[in-house]
Amino acid sequence: MMLSSVLLFLHLSGLAVWLGAAVLLTILFAVLKKQSDNSLLLLCTKLVNRLLSVAALTVLISGGGLIELLGWRGMDKPFWLSFMEQAGGTVILLFIALFTWQSRRLVKRLKQSKEQGQASKIAGWYAGAMGIFTVAITGVLLVVSLRLA
């Protein structure tokens, strides 16, 4: 029982960090689109890779561990639990893959280009993509919270 409590704590803590930081960075990237500051933009992209990706991975691993530990794998589950497992897992994997791949490309482009317009485009892309993922995370959280049958 102790392990399931630890996994639940990691799952909820990771979700709180992931969603909270995603909302904050969405707002910050939107501001940076209008007033681009290359050093702050680089810091924010590093935060996405180092903080948000780790938090998302923590949610994925702890969620998988909970499903395995509690014996829910392969069983008929209520819709909300299946949705959390499948949609939540898909959102996490897409988030990690997209932002890891794009961050490397965009950081290289940002370091090479000193144009103000380039930084604005990059910040706009991040704001949009981060906003979409924030809505997706919140959607999964809503379905799970309401425990829709």
N, C-alpha and C. Protein backbone atom coordinates (compact mmCIF):
# COMPACT_ATOMS: atom_id res chain seq x y z
N MET A 1 0.82 -1.19 0.00
CA MET A 1 0.00 0.00 0.00
C MET A 1 0.87 1.26 0.00
N MET A 2 2.02 1.17 0.60
CA MET A 2 2.91 2.33 0.67
C MET A 2 3.39 2.75 -0.72
N LEU A 3 3.70 1.75 -1.56
CA LEU A 3 4.18 2.06 -2.90
C LEU A 3 3.10 2.76 -3.72
N SER A 4 1.86 2.33 -3.59
CA SER A 4 0.79 2.98 -4.35
C SER A 4 0.60 4.43 -3.89
N SER A 5 0.80 4.69 -2.60
CA SER A 5 0.70 6.07 -2.10
C SER A 5 1.81 6.94 -2.67
N VAL A 6 3.02 6.39 -2.74
CA VAL A 6 4.15 7.13 -3.30
C VAL A 6 3.91 7.40 -4.79
N LEU A 7 3.44 6.38 -5.51
CA LEU A 7 3.17 6.56 -6.94
C LEU A 7 2.06 7.58 -7.18
N LEU A 8 1.03 7.55 -6.35
CA LEU A 8 -0.05 8.53 -6.48
C LEU A 8 0.46 9.94 -6.20
N PHE A 9 1.31 10.07 -5.18
CA PHE A 9 1.91 11.38 -4.88
C PHE A 9 2.74 11.87 -6.07
N LEU A 10 3.57 11.00 -6.63
CA LEU A 10 4.39 11.39 -7.78
C LEU A 10 3.51 11.75 -8.98
N HIS A 11 2.44 10.99 -9.17
CA HIS A 11 1.54 11.24 -10.29
C HIS A 11 0.88 12.61 -10.17
N LEU A 12 0.32 12.90 -9.01
CA LEU A 12 -0.37 14.18 -8.81
C LEU A 12 0.61 15.35 -8.76
N SER A 13 1.76 15.16 -8.14
CA SER A 13 2.77 16.23 -8.10
C SER A 13 3.30 16.53 -9.49
N GLY A 14 3.59 15.48 -10.26
CA GLY A 14 4.06 15.68 -11.63
C GLY A 14 3.02 16.39 -12.47
N LEU A 15 1.76 16.01 -12.29
CA LEU A 15 0.68 16.66 -13.04
C LEU A 15 0.56 18.14 -12.66
N ALA A 16 0.68 18.43 -11.37
CA ALA A 16 0.59 19.83 -10.92
C ALA A 16 1.73 20.67 -11.50
N VAL A 17 2.94 20.13 -11.46
CA VAL A 17 4.09 20.86 -12.00
C VAL A 17 3.94 21.02 -13.51
N TRP A 18 3.56 19.94 -14.20
CA TRP A 18 3.44 19.97 -15.66
C TRP A 18 2.38 20.98 -16.10
N LEU A 19 1.19 20.89 -15.52
CA LEU A 19 0.11 21.79 -15.93
C LEU A 19 0.39 23.23 -15.50
N GLY A 20 0.86 23.42 -14.29
CA GLY A 20 1.15 24.77 -13.80
C GLY A 20 2.22 25.46 -14.62
N ALA A 21 3.31 24.74 -14.88
CA ALA A 21 4.39 25.32 -15.67
C ALA A 21 3.95 25.54 -17.12
N ALA A 22 3.11 24.66 -17.65
CA ALA A 22 2.63 24.83 -19.02
C ALA A 22 1.78 26.10 -19.15
N VAL A 23 0.92 26.35 -18.18
CA VAL A 23 0.10 27.57 -18.20
C VAL A 23 1.00 28.79 -18.10
N LEU A 24 1.92 28.76 -17.16
CA LEU A 24 2.84 29.89 -16.96
C LEU A 24 3.67 30.16 -18.22
N LEU A 25 4.23 29.11 -18.81
CA LEU A 25 5.07 29.30 -19.99
C LEU A 25 4.25 29.71 -21.21
N THR A 26 3.00 29.27 -21.30
CA THR A 26 2.13 29.73 -22.39
C THR A 26 1.98 31.25 -22.34
N ILE A 27 1.71 31.75 -21.15
CA ILE A 27 1.58 33.21 -20.97
C ILE A 27 2.90 33.91 -21.27
N LEU A 28 3.98 33.36 -20.75
CA LEU A 28 5.30 33.97 -20.94
C LEU A 28 5.70 33.99 -22.42
N PHE A 29 5.46 32.89 -23.13
CA PHE A 29 5.78 32.86 -24.56
C PHE A 29 4.92 33.85 -25.34
N ALA A 30 3.66 34.01 -24.95
CA ALA A 30 2.79 34.99 -25.62
C ALA A 30 3.33 36.41 -25.42
N VAL A 31 3.82 36.70 -24.23
CA VAL A 31 4.42 38.02 -23.96
C VAL A 31 5.71 38.18 -24.76
N LEU A 32 6.52 37.11 -24.80
CA LEU A 32 7.79 37.17 -25.53
C LEU A 32 7.58 37.32 -27.03
N LYS A 33 6.42 36.92 -27.53
CA LYS A 33 6.14 37.09 -28.96
C LYS A 33 6.09 38.58 -29.30
N LYS A 34 5.58 39.38 -28.38
CA LYS A 34 5.46 40.82 -28.62
C LYS A 34 6.73 41.57 -28.26
N GLN A 35 7.39 41.16 -27.18
CA GLN A 35 8.61 41.84 -26.74
C GLN A 35 9.72 40.80 -26.63
N SER A 36 10.28 40.42 -27.75
CA SER A 36 11.22 39.31 -27.75
C SER A 36 12.54 39.67 -27.06
N ASP A 37 12.93 38.79 -26.17
CA ASP A 37 14.20 38.88 -25.46
C ASP A 37 14.86 37.51 -25.64
N ASN A 38 15.91 37.46 -26.47
CA ASN A 38 16.51 36.17 -26.82
C ASN A 38 16.98 35.37 -25.62
N SER A 39 17.60 36.02 -24.64
CA SER A 39 18.11 35.27 -23.49
C SER A 39 16.97 34.67 -22.67
N LEU A 40 15.89 35.40 -22.50
CA LEU A 40 14.73 34.87 -21.77
C LEU A 40 14.04 33.78 -22.57
N LEU A 41 13.98 33.94 -23.88
CA LEU A 41 13.38 32.93 -24.74
C LEU A 41 14.18 31.63 -24.68
N LEU A 42 15.50 31.73 -24.71
CA LEU A 42 16.34 30.54 -24.58
C LEU A 42 16.14 29.86 -23.23
N LEU A 43 16.05 30.64 -22.17
CA LEU A 43 15.81 30.07 -20.84
C LEU A 43 14.47 29.34 -20.80
N CYS A 44 13.45 29.93 -21.38
CA CYS A 44 12.12 29.30 -21.38
C CYS A 44 12.12 28.00 -22.18
N THR A 45 12.82 27.96 -23.30
CA THR A 45 12.88 26.72 -24.08
C THR A 45 13.62 25.64 -23.30
N LYS A 46 14.64 26.02 -22.55
CA LYS A 46 15.35 25.04 -21.71
C LYS A 46 14.44 24.53 -20.60
N LEU A 47 13.62 25.42 -20.04
CA LEU A 47 12.66 24.99 -19.01
C LEU A 47 11.67 23.97 -19.55
N VAL A 48 11.24 24.17 -20.79
CA VAL A 48 10.31 23.21 -21.39
C VAL A 48 10.96 21.84 -21.44
N ASN A 49 12.20 21.79 -21.90
CA ASN A 49 12.88 20.50 -22.02
C ASN A 49 13.25 19.90 -20.68
N ARG A 50 13.73 20.70 -19.78
CA ARG A 50 14.25 20.17 -18.52
C ARG A 50 13.19 19.98 -17.45
N LEU A 51 12.24 20.86 -17.37
CA LEU A 51 11.24 20.79 -16.30
C LEU A 51 9.95 20.11 -16.77
N LEU A 52 9.38 20.61 -17.84
CA LEU A 52 8.09 20.08 -18.26
C LEU A 52 8.18 18.66 -18.79
N SER A 53 9.21 18.35 -19.54
CA SER A 53 9.34 16.99 -20.06
C SER A 53 9.57 15.99 -18.93
N VAL A 54 10.35 16.37 -17.93
CA VAL A 54 10.58 15.49 -16.78
C VAL A 54 9.29 15.31 -15.99
N ALA A 55 8.54 16.38 -15.79
CA ALA A 55 7.27 16.28 -15.07
C ALA A 55 6.29 15.39 -15.84
N ALA A 56 6.22 15.55 -17.16
CA ALA A 56 5.33 14.73 -17.98
C ALA A 56 5.74 13.26 -17.92
N LEU A 57 7.03 13.00 -17.97
CA LEU A 57 7.52 11.63 -17.88
C LEU A 57 7.22 11.03 -16.51
N THR A 58 7.31 11.83 -15.47
CA THR A 58 6.96 11.37 -14.12
C THR A 58 5.49 10.97 -14.06
N VAL A 59 4.62 11.76 -14.67
CA VAL A 59 3.19 11.44 -14.71
C VAL A 59 2.97 10.12 -15.45
N LEU A 60 3.64 9.95 -16.58
CA LEU A 60 3.48 8.73 -17.38
C LEU A 60 3.96 7.49 -16.63
N ILE A 61 5.15 7.55 -16.06
CA ILE A 61 5.72 6.39 -15.38
C ILE A 61 4.93 6.05 -14.12
N SER A 62 4.60 7.06 -13.33
CA SER A 62 3.85 6.79 -12.10
C SER A 62 2.44 6.29 -12.41
N GLY A 63 1.83 6.82 -13.46
CA GLY A 63 0.50 6.34 -13.86
C GLY A 63 0.54 4.89 -14.32
N GLY A 64 1.54 4.56 -15.12
CA GLY A 64 1.71 3.17 -15.55
C GLY A 64 1.98 2.25 -14.37
N GLY A 65 2.80 2.74 -13.43
CA GLY A 65 3.08 1.96 -12.23
C GLY A 65 1.84 1.72 -11.40
N LEU A 66 1.00 2.73 -11.27
CA LEU A 66 -0.25 2.58 -10.51
C LEU A 66 -1.18 1.57 -11.17
N ILE A 67 -1.31 1.64 -12.48
CA ILE A 67 -2.18 0.70 -13.19
C ILE A 67 -1.67 -0.72 -13.01
N GLU A 68 -0.37 -0.90 -13.12
CA GLU A 68 0.23 -2.23 -12.95
C GLU A 68 0.09 -2.71 -11.51
N LEU A 69 0.44 -1.86 -10.56
CA LEU A 69 0.43 -2.23 -9.14
C LEU A 69 -0.97 -2.56 -8.64
N LEU A 70 -1.95 -1.82 -9.09
CA LEU A 70 -3.32 -2.04 -8.64
C LEU A 70 -4.05 -3.11 -9.45
N GLY A 71 -3.35 -3.70 -10.41
CA GLY A 71 -3.91 -4.83 -11.16
C GLY A 71 -4.95 -4.45 -12.19
N TRP A 72 -4.89 -3.24 -12.73
CA TRP A 72 -5.88 -2.79 -13.70
C TRP A 72 -5.49 -3.07 -15.14
N ARG A 73 -4.29 -3.55 -15.37
CA ARG A 73 -3.85 -3.78 -16.74
C ARG A 73 -4.63 -4.93 -17.37
N GLY A 74 -5.18 -4.69 -18.53
CA GLY A 74 -5.90 -5.72 -19.27
C GLY A 74 -7.32 -5.97 -18.78
N MET A 75 -7.74 -5.27 -17.76
CA MET A 75 -9.10 -5.46 -17.23
C MET A 75 -10.05 -4.47 -17.89
N ASP A 76 -11.34 -4.78 -17.76
CA ASP A 76 -12.34 -3.79 -18.17
C ASP A 76 -12.34 -2.67 -17.15
N LYS A 77 -12.15 -1.47 -17.64
CA LYS A 77 -12.06 -0.31 -16.75
C LYS A 77 -13.19 0.66 -17.08
N PRO A 78 -13.55 1.50 -16.12
CA PRO A 78 -14.51 2.56 -16.44
C PRO A 78 -13.92 3.49 -17.51
N PHE A 79 -14.80 4.19 -18.23
CA PHE A 79 -14.34 5.06 -19.32
C PHE A 79 -13.29 6.05 -18.85
N TRP A 80 -13.51 6.70 -17.72
CA TRP A 80 -12.60 7.75 -17.26
C TRP A 80 -11.19 7.21 -17.04
N LEU A 81 -11.10 5.98 -16.56
CA LEU A 81 -9.78 5.39 -16.31
C LEU A 81 -9.10 5.00 -17.62
N SER A 82 -9.87 4.44 -18.55
CA SER A 82 -9.31 4.13 -19.87
C SER A 82 -8.89 5.40 -20.60
N PHE A 83 -9.71 6.43 -20.47
CA PHE A 83 -9.41 7.71 -21.11
C PHE A 83 -8.13 8.31 -20.52
N MET A 84 -8.01 8.25 -19.20
CA MET A 84 -6.81 8.77 -18.55
C MET A 84 -5.58 8.02 -19.04
N GLU A 85 -5.70 6.71 -19.12
CA GLU A 85 -4.58 5.87 -19.55
C GLU A 85 -4.21 6.13 -21.01
N GLN A 86 -5.20 6.11 -21.88
CA GLN A 86 -4.91 6.20 -23.31
C GLN A 86 -4.72 7.64 -23.80
N ALA A 87 -5.67 8.50 -23.52
CA ALA A 87 -5.55 9.89 -23.98
C ALA A 87 -4.44 10.61 -23.23
N GLY A 88 -4.38 10.41 -21.93
CA GLY A 88 -3.32 11.03 -21.13
C GLY A 88 -1.94 10.58 -21.57
N GLY A 89 -1.79 9.28 -21.79
CA GLY A 89 -0.50 8.75 -22.25
C GLY A 89 -0.12 9.28 -23.62
N THR A 90 -1.10 9.39 -24.50
CA THR A 90 -0.84 9.93 -25.84
C THR A 90 -0.42 11.39 -25.78
N VAL A 91 -1.12 12.18 -24.97
CA VAL A 91 -0.77 13.60 -24.83
C VAL A 91 0.66 13.74 -24.29
N ILE A 92 1.00 12.93 -23.30
CA ILE A 92 2.35 13.00 -22.72
C ILE A 92 3.41 12.64 -23.75
N LEU A 93 3.21 11.53 -24.46
CA LEU A 93 4.21 11.11 -25.44
C LEU A 93 4.35 12.12 -26.57
N LEU A 94 3.23 12.65 -27.05
CA LEU A 94 3.30 13.69 -28.09
C LEU A 94 4.00 14.94 -27.58
N PHE A 95 3.70 15.33 -26.35
CA PHE A 95 4.33 16.51 -25.75
C PHE A 95 5.85 16.35 -25.71
N ILE A 96 6.30 15.24 -25.15
CA ILE A 96 7.74 15.01 -25.01
C ILE A 96 8.40 14.95 -26.38
N ALA A 97 7.82 14.18 -27.30
CA ALA A 97 8.43 14.03 -28.63
C ALA A 97 8.48 15.36 -29.37
N LEU A 98 7.36 16.06 -29.41
CA LEU A 98 7.29 17.31 -30.17
C LEU A 98 8.22 18.38 -29.60
N PHE A 99 8.16 18.59 -28.31
CA PHE A 99 8.95 19.66 -27.73
C PHE A 99 10.44 19.34 -27.68
N THR A 100 10.80 18.07 -27.51
CA THR A 100 12.22 17.72 -27.54
C THR A 100 12.78 17.94 -28.94
N TRP A 101 12.04 17.48 -29.94
CA TRP A 101 12.49 17.61 -31.33
C TRP A 101 12.52 19.07 -31.75
N GLN A 102 11.43 19.79 -31.52
CA GLN A 102 11.35 21.18 -31.96
C GLN A 102 12.29 22.10 -31.18
N SER A 103 12.45 21.85 -29.89
CA SER A 103 13.30 22.73 -29.08
C SER A 103 14.73 22.75 -29.60
N ARG A 104 15.24 21.60 -29.94
CA ARG A 104 16.62 21.55 -30.47
C ARG A 104 16.74 22.35 -31.75
N ARG A 105 15.78 22.18 -32.65
CA ARG A 105 15.80 22.93 -33.91
C ARG A 105 15.68 24.43 -33.68
N LEU A 106 14.73 24.81 -32.84
CA LEU A 106 14.45 26.23 -32.65
C LEU A 106 15.55 26.93 -31.87
N VAL A 107 16.17 26.24 -30.92
CA VAL A 107 17.28 26.85 -30.17
C VAL A 107 18.46 27.11 -31.11
N LYS A 108 18.75 26.15 -31.99
CA LYS A 108 19.83 26.35 -32.96
C LYS A 108 19.52 27.55 -33.86
N ARG A 109 18.28 27.61 -34.33
CA ARG A 109 17.88 28.71 -35.21
C ARG A 109 17.95 30.05 -34.48
N LEU A 110 17.56 30.06 -33.22
CA LEU A 110 17.56 31.28 -32.43
C LEU A 110 18.99 31.76 -32.17
N LYS A 111 19.90 30.83 -31.90
CA LYS A 111 21.29 31.20 -31.64
C LYS A 111 21.98 31.72 -32.90
N GLN A 112 21.61 31.17 -34.06
CA GLN A 112 22.23 31.59 -35.32
C GLN A 112 21.69 32.93 -35.79
N SER A 113 20.43 33.17 -35.57
CA SER A 113 19.80 34.39 -36.07
C SER A 113 19.68 35.43 -34.96
N LYS A 114 20.07 36.62 -35.27
CA LYS A 114 19.94 37.73 -34.31
C LYS A 114 18.74 38.61 -34.65
N GLU A 115 17.94 38.18 -35.62
CA GLU A 115 16.77 38.96 -36.03
C GLU A 115 15.71 38.95 -34.94
N GLN A 116 15.06 40.05 -34.77
CA GLN A 116 13.97 40.17 -33.81
C GLN A 116 12.76 39.37 -34.29
N GLY A 117 12.52 39.35 -35.59
CA GLY A 117 11.38 38.65 -36.15
C GLY A 117 11.45 37.15 -35.95
N GLN A 118 12.66 36.60 -36.00
CA GLN A 118 12.85 35.16 -35.80
C GLN A 118 12.46 34.76 -34.38
N ALA A 119 12.90 35.52 -33.41
CA ALA A 119 12.57 35.24 -32.01
C ALA A 119 11.06 35.34 -31.79
N SER A 120 10.43 36.29 -32.43
CA SER A 120 8.98 36.47 -32.30
C SER A 120 8.23 35.26 -32.86
N LYS A 121 8.68 34.74 -34.01
CA LYS A 121 8.06 33.56 -34.61
C LYS A 121 8.21 32.35 -33.69
N ILE A 122 9.40 32.18 -33.14
CA ILE A 122 9.66 31.04 -32.25
C ILE A 122 8.80 31.13 -31.00
N ALA A 123 8.73 32.31 -30.41
CA ALA A 123 7.90 32.50 -29.21
C ALA A 123 6.43 32.26 -29.54
N GLY A 124 5.99 32.70 -30.72
CA GLY A 124 4.61 32.47 -31.13
C GLY A 124 4.30 30.99 -31.30
N TRP A 125 5.24 30.25 -31.91
CA TRP A 125 5.05 28.81 -32.06
C TRP A 125 4.93 28.14 -30.70
N TYR A 126 5.84 28.48 -29.79
CA TYR A 126 5.80 27.90 -28.45
C TYR A 126 4.50 28.25 -27.74
N ALA A 127 4.06 29.49 -27.83
CA ALA A 127 2.82 29.91 -27.16
C ALA A 127 1.64 29.11 -27.69
N GLY A 128 1.56 28.96 -28.99
CA GLY A 128 0.45 28.20 -29.59
C GLY A 128 0.48 26.73 -29.23
N ALA A 129 1.65 26.11 -29.39
CA ALA A 129 1.77 24.68 -29.09
C ALA A 129 1.55 24.40 -27.61
N MET A 130 2.12 25.25 -26.77
CA MET A 130 1.96 25.07 -25.33
C MET A 130 0.50 25.27 -24.94
N GLY A 131 -0.18 26.22 -25.57
CA GLY A 131 -1.60 26.44 -25.30
C GLY A 131 -2.45 25.24 -25.68
N ILE A 132 -2.16 24.64 -26.82
CA ILE A 132 -2.90 23.45 -27.26
C ILE A 132 -2.70 22.30 -26.27
N PHE A 133 -1.46 22.09 -25.84
CA PHE A 133 -1.21 21.01 -24.88
C PHE A 133 -1.83 21.31 -23.52
N THR A 134 -1.87 22.57 -23.13
CA THR A 134 -2.51 22.94 -21.86
C THR A 134 -4.00 22.60 -21.90
N VAL A 135 -4.65 22.89 -23.02
CA VAL A 135 -6.06 22.54 -23.18
C VAL A 135 -6.24 21.02 -23.17
N ALA A 136 -5.35 20.29 -23.83
CA ALA A 136 -5.45 18.83 -23.87
C ALA A 136 -5.27 18.22 -22.47
N ILE A 137 -4.29 18.71 -21.73
CA ILE A 137 -4.06 18.23 -20.36
C ILE A 137 -5.28 18.51 -19.50
N THR A 138 -5.81 19.72 -19.61
CA THR A 138 -6.97 20.10 -18.82
C THR A 138 -8.19 19.27 -19.21
N GLY A 139 -8.33 18.94 -20.49
CA GLY A 139 -9.43 18.09 -20.94
C GLY A 139 -9.38 16.71 -20.33
N VAL A 140 -8.20 16.10 -20.32
CA VAL A 140 -8.04 14.79 -19.69
C VAL A 140 -8.34 14.90 -18.20
N LEU A 141 -7.83 15.93 -17.57
CA LEU A 141 -8.06 16.14 -16.14
C LEU A 141 -9.55 16.32 -15.84
N LEU A 142 -10.27 17.02 -16.71
CA LEU A 142 -11.71 17.23 -16.52
C LEU A 142 -12.47 15.91 -16.59
N VAL A 143 -12.18 15.11 -17.61
CA VAL A 143 -12.87 13.82 -17.77
C VAL A 143 -12.61 12.93 -16.56
N VAL A 144 -11.37 12.89 -16.10
CA VAL A 144 -11.02 12.06 -14.94
C VAL A 144 -11.67 12.61 -13.68
N SER A 145 -11.67 13.91 -13.51
CA SER A 145 -12.26 14.52 -12.31
C SER A 145 -13.77 14.28 -12.23
N LEU A 146 -14.44 14.34 -13.37
CA LEU A 146 -15.88 14.11 -13.39
C LEU A 146 -16.23 12.63 -13.34
N ARG A 147 -15.21 11.80 -13.54
CA ARG A 147 -15.37 10.34 -13.58
C ARG A 147 -16.53 9.95 -14.49
N LEU A 148 -16.42 10.45 -15.71
CA LEU A 148 -17.47 10.18 -16.68
C LEU A 148 -17.55 8.69 -16.97
N ALA A 149 -18.74 8.18 -16.97
CA ALA A 149 -18.94 6.74 -17.19
C ALA A 149 -18.92 6.50 -18.65
